[in-house]
Amino acid sequence: MNVWRVETEGRVVRFGEVARKRLTRDGCNEPFKDRFWCPKRRWFLTEPCPFASKMECDTYRRMCGSL
């Protein structure tokens, strides 16, 4: 059984077998079709994340306890 993965390696992001240049600095909100990848949740969201960076996301999570 193969598991479909999203990976970021340097300046490349891979969605399963599809690889392309990463569009965002830290891998947050990488678009794929009509969804946006969230590395913190390790899942796709229907809307882009409102945070500017992973650091801002982490700060919010520490202050509020969850996303």
N, C-alpha and C. Protein backbone atom coordinates (compact mmCIF):
# COMPACT_ATOMS: atom_id res chain seq x y z
N MET A 1 0.84 -1.18 0.00
CA MET A 1 0.00 0.00 0.00
C MET A 1 0.89 1.24 0.00
N ASN A 2 0.66 2.14 -0.91
CA ASN A 2 1.41 3.40 -1.00
C ASN A 2 0.63 4.51 -0.31
N VAL A 3 1.35 5.32 0.42
CA VAL A 3 0.75 6.48 1.09
C VAL A 3 1.14 7.72 0.30
N TRP A 4 0.15 8.54 0.02
CA TRP A 4 0.40 9.77 -0.73
C TRP A 4 0.98 10.79 0.23
N ARG A 5 2.14 11.36 -0.09
CA ARG A 5 2.84 12.28 0.80
C ARG A 5 3.04 13.64 0.19
N VAL A 6 3.14 14.63 1.08
CA VAL A 6 3.57 15.97 0.69
C VAL A 6 4.89 16.20 1.39
N GLU A 7 5.90 16.56 0.61
CA GLU A 7 7.23 16.79 1.16
C GLU A 7 7.82 18.07 0.59
N THR A 8 8.57 18.78 1.41
CA THR A 8 9.32 19.93 0.93
C THR A 8 10.79 19.65 1.13
N GLU A 9 11.55 19.78 0.05
CA GLU A 9 12.98 19.55 0.06
C GLU A 9 13.65 20.74 -0.59
N GLY A 10 14.29 21.56 0.22
CA GLY A 10 14.93 22.74 -0.34
C GLY A 10 13.91 23.65 -0.99
N ARG A 11 14.06 23.88 -2.28
CA ARG A 11 13.13 24.76 -3.01
C ARG A 11 12.08 23.99 -3.80
N VAL A 12 11.95 22.69 -3.52
CA VAL A 12 11.01 21.85 -4.26
C VAL A 12 9.95 21.32 -3.30
N VAL A 13 8.71 21.30 -3.75
CA VAL A 13 7.62 20.68 -2.99
C VAL A 13 7.08 19.54 -3.83
N ARG A 14 6.81 18.41 -3.18
CA ARG A 14 6.29 17.24 -3.88
C ARG A 14 4.92 16.87 -3.31
N PHE A 15 3.97 16.73 -4.20
CA PHE A 15 2.63 16.25 -3.87
C PHE A 15 2.51 14.87 -4.52
N GLY A 16 2.82 13.84 -3.76
CA GLY A 16 2.86 12.49 -4.34
C GLY A 16 3.96 12.42 -5.38
N GLU A 17 3.62 12.13 -6.61
CA GLU A 17 4.60 12.04 -7.69
C GLU A 17 4.84 13.37 -8.39
N VAL A 18 4.03 14.37 -8.12
CA VAL A 18 4.13 15.67 -8.77
C VAL A 18 5.11 16.54 -7.99
N ALA A 19 6.12 17.09 -8.66
CA ALA A 19 7.09 17.97 -8.03
C ALA A 19 7.12 19.30 -8.76
N ARG A 20 7.26 20.38 -8.00
CA ARG A 20 7.38 21.71 -8.59
C ARG A 20 8.15 22.61 -7.63
N LYS A 21 8.51 23.79 -8.11
CA LYS A 21 9.22 24.76 -7.29
C LYS A 21 8.29 25.27 -6.18
N ARG A 22 8.82 25.37 -4.98
CA ARG A 22 8.03 25.86 -3.85
C ARG A 22 7.71 27.34 -4.06
N LEU A 23 6.45 27.73 -3.82
CA LEU A 23 6.02 29.10 -4.04
C LEU A 23 6.14 29.96 -2.79
N THR A 24 6.08 29.35 -1.62
CA THR A 24 6.14 30.12 -0.38
C THR A 24 7.47 29.88 0.33
N ARG A 25 7.85 30.81 1.19
CA ARG A 25 9.16 30.75 1.84
C ARG A 25 9.31 29.56 2.77
N ASP A 26 8.27 29.26 3.57
CA ASP A 26 8.40 28.22 4.58
C ASP A 26 7.49 27.02 4.37
N GLY A 27 6.85 26.92 3.22
CA GLY A 27 6.03 25.75 2.91
C GLY A 27 4.58 25.85 3.34
N CYS A 28 4.22 26.92 4.03
CA CYS A 28 2.82 27.12 4.42
C CYS A 28 2.00 27.60 3.22
N ASN A 29 0.76 27.17 3.16
CA ASN A 29 -0.17 27.61 2.11
C ASN A 29 0.29 27.28 0.70
N GLU A 30 1.00 26.19 0.53
CA GLU A 30 1.37 25.77 -0.82
C GLU A 30 0.11 25.33 -1.55
N PRO A 31 -0.23 26.01 -2.64
CA PRO A 31 -1.46 25.63 -3.35
C PRO A 31 -1.30 24.32 -4.13
N PHE A 32 -2.36 23.53 -4.11
CA PHE A 32 -2.43 22.31 -4.91
C PHE A 32 -3.88 22.15 -5.32
N LYS A 33 -4.12 22.33 -6.61
CA LYS A 33 -5.48 22.35 -7.16
C LYS A 33 -6.25 23.45 -6.45
N ASP A 34 -7.34 23.15 -5.75
CA ASP A 34 -8.10 24.21 -5.08
C ASP A 34 -7.95 24.17 -3.56
N ARG A 35 -6.84 23.60 -3.07
CA ARG A 35 -6.58 23.48 -1.63
C ARG A 35 -5.23 24.09 -1.29
N PHE A 36 -4.98 24.27 0.01
CA PHE A 36 -3.74 24.85 0.49
C PHE A 36 -3.14 23.94 1.56
N TRP A 37 -1.87 23.61 1.43
CA TRP A 37 -1.19 22.69 2.33
C TRP A 37 -0.79 23.41 3.62
N CYS A 38 -1.12 22.79 4.76
CA CYS A 38 -0.71 23.28 6.07
C CYS A 38 0.27 22.27 6.67
N PRO A 39 1.57 22.61 6.76
CA PRO A 39 2.53 21.66 7.30
C PRO A 39 2.33 21.40 8.79
N LYS A 40 1.75 22.33 9.51
CA LYS A 40 1.51 22.13 10.94
C LYS A 40 0.46 21.04 11.16
N ARG A 41 -0.63 21.10 10.42
CA ARG A 41 -1.69 20.09 10.53
C ARG A 41 -1.43 18.87 9.66
N ARG A 42 -0.48 19.01 8.73
CA ARG A 42 -0.17 17.97 7.76
C ARG A 42 -1.43 17.55 6.98
N TRP A 43 -2.18 18.58 6.54
CA TRP A 43 -3.40 18.35 5.80
C TRP A 43 -3.70 19.56 4.93
N PHE A 44 -4.66 19.40 4.01
CA PHE A 44 -5.05 20.48 3.12
C PHE A 44 -6.22 21.26 3.70
N LEU A 45 -6.18 22.58 3.50
CA LEU A 45 -7.26 23.47 3.94
C LEU A 45 -7.96 24.03 2.71
N THR A 46 -9.22 24.41 2.87
CA THR A 46 -9.96 24.98 1.74
C THR A 46 -9.63 26.44 1.51
N GLU A 47 -9.11 27.12 2.54
CA GLU A 47 -8.73 28.53 2.44
C GLU A 47 -7.29 28.69 2.89
N PRO A 48 -6.60 29.72 2.38
CA PRO A 48 -5.23 29.94 2.85
C PRO A 48 -5.21 30.28 4.34
N CYS A 49 -4.16 29.89 5.01
CA CYS A 49 -3.97 30.18 6.43
C CYS A 49 -3.82 31.69 6.61
N PRO A 50 -4.39 32.27 7.66
CA PRO A 50 -4.29 33.72 7.87
C PRO A 50 -2.93 34.16 8.41
N PHE A 51 -2.08 33.23 8.84
CA PHE A 51 -0.79 33.59 9.42
C PHE A 51 0.24 33.86 8.33
N ALA A 52 1.15 34.78 8.61
CA ALA A 52 2.17 35.17 7.64
C ALA A 52 3.31 34.18 7.57
N SER A 53 3.54 33.42 8.65
CA SER A 53 4.66 32.49 8.68
C SER A 53 4.39 31.38 9.69
N LYS A 54 5.25 30.37 9.69
CA LYS A 54 5.14 29.28 10.67
C LYS A 54 5.35 29.81 12.08
N MET A 55 6.25 30.79 12.23
CA MET A 55 6.53 31.35 13.55
C MET A 55 5.27 32.03 14.13
N GLU A 56 4.56 32.76 13.30
CA GLU A 56 3.32 33.40 13.74
C GLU A 56 2.27 32.34 14.12
N CYS A 57 2.20 31.28 13.35
CA CYS A 57 1.29 30.17 13.64
C CYS A 57 1.65 29.52 14.97
N ASP A 58 2.94 29.26 15.19
CA ASP A 58 3.40 28.64 16.44
C ASP A 58 3.10 29.54 17.64
N THR A 59 3.30 30.84 17.49
CA THR A 59 3.03 31.78 18.58
C THR A 59 1.54 31.76 18.94
N TYR A 60 0.69 31.78 17.93
CA TYR A 60 -0.75 31.73 18.18
C TYR A 60 -1.14 30.43 18.89
N ARG A 61 -0.57 29.32 18.43
CA ARG A 61 -0.88 28.01 19.03
C ARG A 61 -0.43 27.96 20.48
N ARG A 62 0.75 28.52 20.79
CA ARG A 62 1.21 28.54 22.18
C ARG A 62 0.34 29.41 23.08
N MET A 63 -0.13 30.53 22.54
CA MET A 63 -0.97 31.44 23.33
C MET A 63 -2.38 30.89 23.52
N CYS A 64 -2.94 30.25 22.51
CA CYS A 64 -4.33 29.82 22.55
C CYS A 64 -4.52 28.32 22.81
N GLY A 65 -3.48 27.55 22.67
CA GLY A 65 -3.57 26.13 22.94
C GLY A 65 -3.84 25.25 21.74
N SER A 66 -4.40 25.79 20.67
CA SER A 66 -4.65 25.00 19.46
C SER A 66 -4.91 25.93 18.30
N LEU A 67 -5.04 25.33 17.12
CA LEU A 67 -5.37 26.12 15.92
C LEU A 67 -6.84 26.12 15.67
